[in-house]
């Protein structure tokens, strides 16, 4: 991941730490937060699509039983 993504989309403009080791920790934490955000968005999409598929299957089964 490029650090420009963190600065543009996550609002990480300035690292207020002393020393490079501390700054690296902040950057890694920000990258983890960004990846977690992406992962949660992905999970949300798959859950919605699974729920919609199950609902369609339920409606099809209900229609076939009533016929």
N, C-alpha and C. Protein backbone atom coordinates (compact mmCIF):
# COMPACT_ATOMS: atom_id res chain seq x y z
N UNK A 1 0.85 -1.17 0.00
CA UNK A 1 0.00 0.00 0.00
C UNK A 1 0.89 1.23 0.00
N UNK A 2 0.45 2.20 -0.72
CA UNK A 2 1.21 3.44 -0.77
C UNK A 2 0.77 4.34 0.37
N UNK A 3 1.72 5.09 0.89
CA UNK A 3 1.40 5.98 2.00
C UNK A 3 0.51 7.13 1.56
N UNK A 4 0.49 7.42 0.25
CA UNK A 4 -0.39 8.49 -0.23
C UNK A 4 -1.86 8.14 -0.01
N UNK A 5 -2.18 6.84 -0.02
CA UNK A 5 -3.55 6.43 0.26
C UNK A 5 -3.92 6.83 1.68
N UNK A 6 -3.02 6.62 2.61
CA UNK A 6 -3.29 6.98 4.00
C UNK A 6 -3.44 8.48 4.16
N UNK A 7 -2.64 9.25 3.44
CA UNK A 7 -2.72 10.70 3.60
C UNK A 7 -3.97 11.25 2.92
N UNK A 8 -4.38 10.66 1.80
CA UNK A 8 -5.52 11.20 1.07
C UNK A 8 -6.86 10.75 1.65
N UNK A 9 -6.98 9.47 1.97
CA UNK A 9 -8.28 8.93 2.34
C UNK A 9 -8.49 8.73 3.83
N UNK A 10 -7.41 8.61 4.59
CA UNK A 10 -7.55 8.37 6.02
C UNK A 10 -7.24 9.63 6.84
N UNK A 11 -6.85 10.70 6.19
CA UNK A 11 -6.62 11.95 6.89
C UNK A 11 -5.33 11.99 7.69
N UNK A 12 -4.37 11.14 7.36
CA UNK A 12 -3.10 11.11 8.09
C UNK A 12 -2.15 12.10 7.43
N UNK A 13 -2.17 13.32 7.89
CA UNK A 13 -1.34 14.36 7.28
C UNK A 13 -0.02 14.54 8.03
N UNK A 14 -0.07 14.44 9.36
CA UNK A 14 1.11 14.73 10.16
C UNK A 14 1.23 13.68 11.26
N UNK A 15 2.42 13.17 11.45
CA UNK A 15 2.66 12.19 12.50
C UNK A 15 3.30 12.92 13.67
N UNK A 16 2.60 12.96 14.79
CA UNK A 16 3.08 13.69 15.96
C UNK A 16 3.80 12.77 16.93
N UNK A 17 4.91 12.23 16.50
CA UNK A 17 5.72 11.38 17.36
C UNK A 17 7.16 11.83 17.30
N UNK A 18 7.93 11.35 18.26
CA UNK A 18 9.36 11.65 18.27
C UNK A 18 10.10 10.39 17.87
N UNK A 19 10.87 10.46 16.81
CA UNK A 19 11.67 9.33 16.36
C UNK A 19 11.03 8.57 15.22
N UNK A 20 11.88 7.97 14.42
CA UNK A 20 11.42 7.22 13.26
C UNK A 20 10.71 5.94 13.67
N UNK A 21 11.19 5.28 14.70
CA UNK A 21 10.57 4.03 15.15
C UNK A 21 9.11 4.26 15.55
N UNK A 22 8.86 5.36 16.25
CA UNK A 22 7.48 5.68 16.65
C UNK A 22 6.63 6.04 15.43
N UNK A 23 7.21 6.76 14.48
CA UNK A 23 6.48 7.13 13.27
C UNK A 23 6.11 5.89 12.46
N UNK A 24 7.02 4.92 12.39
CA UNK A 24 6.74 3.68 11.68
C UNK A 24 5.58 2.94 12.33
N UNK A 25 5.54 2.95 13.67
CA UNK A 25 4.42 2.31 14.38
C UNK A 25 3.10 2.97 14.03
N UNK A 26 3.10 4.29 13.97
CA UNK A 26 1.88 5.02 13.62
C UNK A 26 1.44 4.67 12.20
N UNK A 27 2.39 4.58 11.29
CA UNK A 27 2.05 4.25 9.90
C UNK A 27 1.51 2.82 9.80
N UNK A 28 2.09 1.89 10.52
CA UNK A 28 1.59 0.52 10.50
C UNK A 28 0.19 0.43 11.09
N UNK A 29 -0.05 1.15 12.17
CA UNK A 29 -1.38 1.17 12.77
C UNK A 29 -2.40 1.76 11.81
N UNK A 30 -2.02 2.82 11.11
CA UNK A 30 -2.92 3.45 10.14
C UNK A 30 -3.21 2.49 8.98
N UNK A 31 -2.19 1.77 8.54
CA UNK A 31 -2.39 0.80 7.46
C UNK A 31 -3.31 -0.32 7.91
N UNK A 32 -3.16 -0.76 9.15
CA UNK A 32 -4.04 -1.81 9.68
C UNK A 32 -5.49 -1.31 9.74
N UNK A 33 -5.67 -0.08 10.17
CA UNK A 33 -7.02 0.49 10.23
C UNK A 33 -7.64 0.58 8.85
N UNK A 34 -6.85 0.99 7.87
CA UNK A 34 -7.33 1.08 6.49
C UNK A 34 -7.74 -0.29 5.96
N UNK A 35 -6.90 -1.30 6.20
CA UNK A 35 -7.21 -2.66 5.74
C UNK A 35 -8.42 -3.23 6.45
N UNK A 36 -8.55 -2.96 7.73
CA UNK A 36 -9.72 -3.43 8.48
C UNK A 36 -10.99 -2.79 7.94
N UNK A 37 -10.91 -1.51 7.62
CA UNK A 37 -12.06 -0.81 7.05
C UNK A 37 -12.49 -1.45 5.72
N UNK A 38 -11.49 -1.75 4.87
CA UNK A 38 -11.78 -2.41 3.60
C UNK A 38 -12.39 -3.80 3.82
N UNK A 39 -11.84 -4.55 4.76
CA UNK A 39 -12.31 -5.90 5.04
C UNK A 39 -13.75 -5.89 5.55
N UNK A 40 -14.07 -4.96 6.44
CA UNK A 40 -15.43 -4.88 6.97
C UNK A 40 -16.42 -4.51 5.87
N UNK A 41 -16.02 -3.65 4.96
CA UNK A 41 -16.88 -3.29 3.83
C UNK A 41 -17.12 -4.51 2.94
N UNK A 42 -16.08 -5.32 2.72
CA UNK A 42 -16.19 -6.53 1.92
C UNK A 42 -17.12 -7.54 2.58
N UNK A 43 -16.97 -7.73 3.89
CA UNK A 43 -17.82 -8.67 4.63
C UNK A 43 -19.28 -8.23 4.57
N UNK A 44 -19.51 -6.93 4.70
CA UNK A 44 -20.87 -6.41 4.65
C UNK A 44 -21.53 -6.71 3.31
N UNK A 45 -20.77 -6.57 2.22
CA UNK A 45 -21.31 -6.86 0.90
C UNK A 45 -21.65 -8.33 0.75
N UNK A 46 -20.78 -9.22 1.21
CA UNK A 46 -21.03 -10.65 1.07
C UNK A 46 -22.21 -11.09 1.93
N UNK A 47 -22.36 -10.51 3.10
CA UNK A 47 -23.49 -10.86 3.96
C UNK A 47 -24.79 -10.43 3.31
N UNK A 48 -24.80 -9.23 2.73
CA UNK A 48 -26.01 -8.76 2.07
C UNK A 48 -26.36 -9.66 0.89
N UNK A 49 -25.38 -10.03 0.09
CA UNK A 49 -25.66 -10.85 -1.07
C UNK A 49 -26.12 -12.25 -0.65
N UNK A 50 -25.55 -12.79 0.42
CA UNK A 50 -26.00 -14.09 0.94
C UNK A 50 -27.43 -14.02 1.45
N UNK A 51 -27.74 -12.94 2.14
CA UNK A 51 -29.09 -12.78 2.67
C UNK A 51 -30.10 -12.65 1.53
N UNK A 52 -29.75 -11.90 0.50
CA UNK A 52 -30.65 -11.74 -0.64
C UNK A 52 -30.85 -13.07 -1.36
N UNK A 53 -29.79 -13.85 -1.51
CA UNK A 53 -29.90 -15.15 -2.16
C UNK A 53 -30.79 -16.09 -1.37
N UNK A 54 -30.63 -16.08 -0.06
CA UNK A 54 -31.47 -16.94 0.79
C UNK A 54 -32.93 -16.51 0.72
N UNK A 55 -33.16 -15.21 0.67
CA UNK A 55 -34.53 -14.71 0.59
C UNK A 55 -35.18 -15.12 -0.73
N UNK A 56 -34.41 -15.01 -1.84
CA UNK A 56 -34.95 -15.44 -3.13
C UNK A 56 -35.27 -16.92 -3.14
N UNK A 57 -34.39 -17.73 -2.55
CA UNK A 57 -34.61 -19.17 -2.47
C UNK A 57 -35.87 -19.47 -1.66
N UNK A 58 -36.03 -18.75 -0.56
CA UNK A 58 -37.23 -18.91 0.27
C UNK A 58 -38.49 -18.60 -0.52
N UNK A 59 -38.46 -17.52 -1.27
CA UNK A 59 -39.64 -17.14 -2.06
C UNK A 59 -39.94 -18.18 -3.15
N UNK A 60 -38.88 -18.71 -3.76
CA UNK A 60 -39.08 -19.74 -4.79
C UNK A 60 -39.67 -21.00 -4.18
N UNK A 61 -39.17 -21.41 -3.03
CA UNK A 61 -39.70 -22.60 -2.37
C UNK A 61 -41.16 -22.38 -1.94
N UNK A 62 -41.45 -21.22 -1.43
CA UNK A 62 -42.80 -20.90 -1.01
C UNK A 62 -43.75 -20.93 -2.21
N UNK A 63 -43.32 -20.37 -3.33
CA UNK A 63 -44.15 -20.36 -4.55
C UNK A 63 -44.35 -21.78 -5.06
N UNK A 64 -43.33 -22.63 -5.01
CA UNK A 64 -43.47 -23.98 -5.52
C UNK A 64 -44.37 -24.83 -4.62
N UNK A 65 -44.38 -24.55 -3.34
CA UNK A 65 -45.25 -25.29 -2.42
C UNK A 65 -46.71 -24.91 -2.64
N UNK A 66 -46.97 -23.63 -2.91
CA UNK A 66 -48.33 -23.18 -3.10
C UNK A 66 -48.92 -23.63 -4.42
N UNK A 67 -48.09 -23.99 -5.39
CA UNK A 67 -48.61 -24.42 -6.71
C UNK A 67 -49.10 -25.78 -6.70
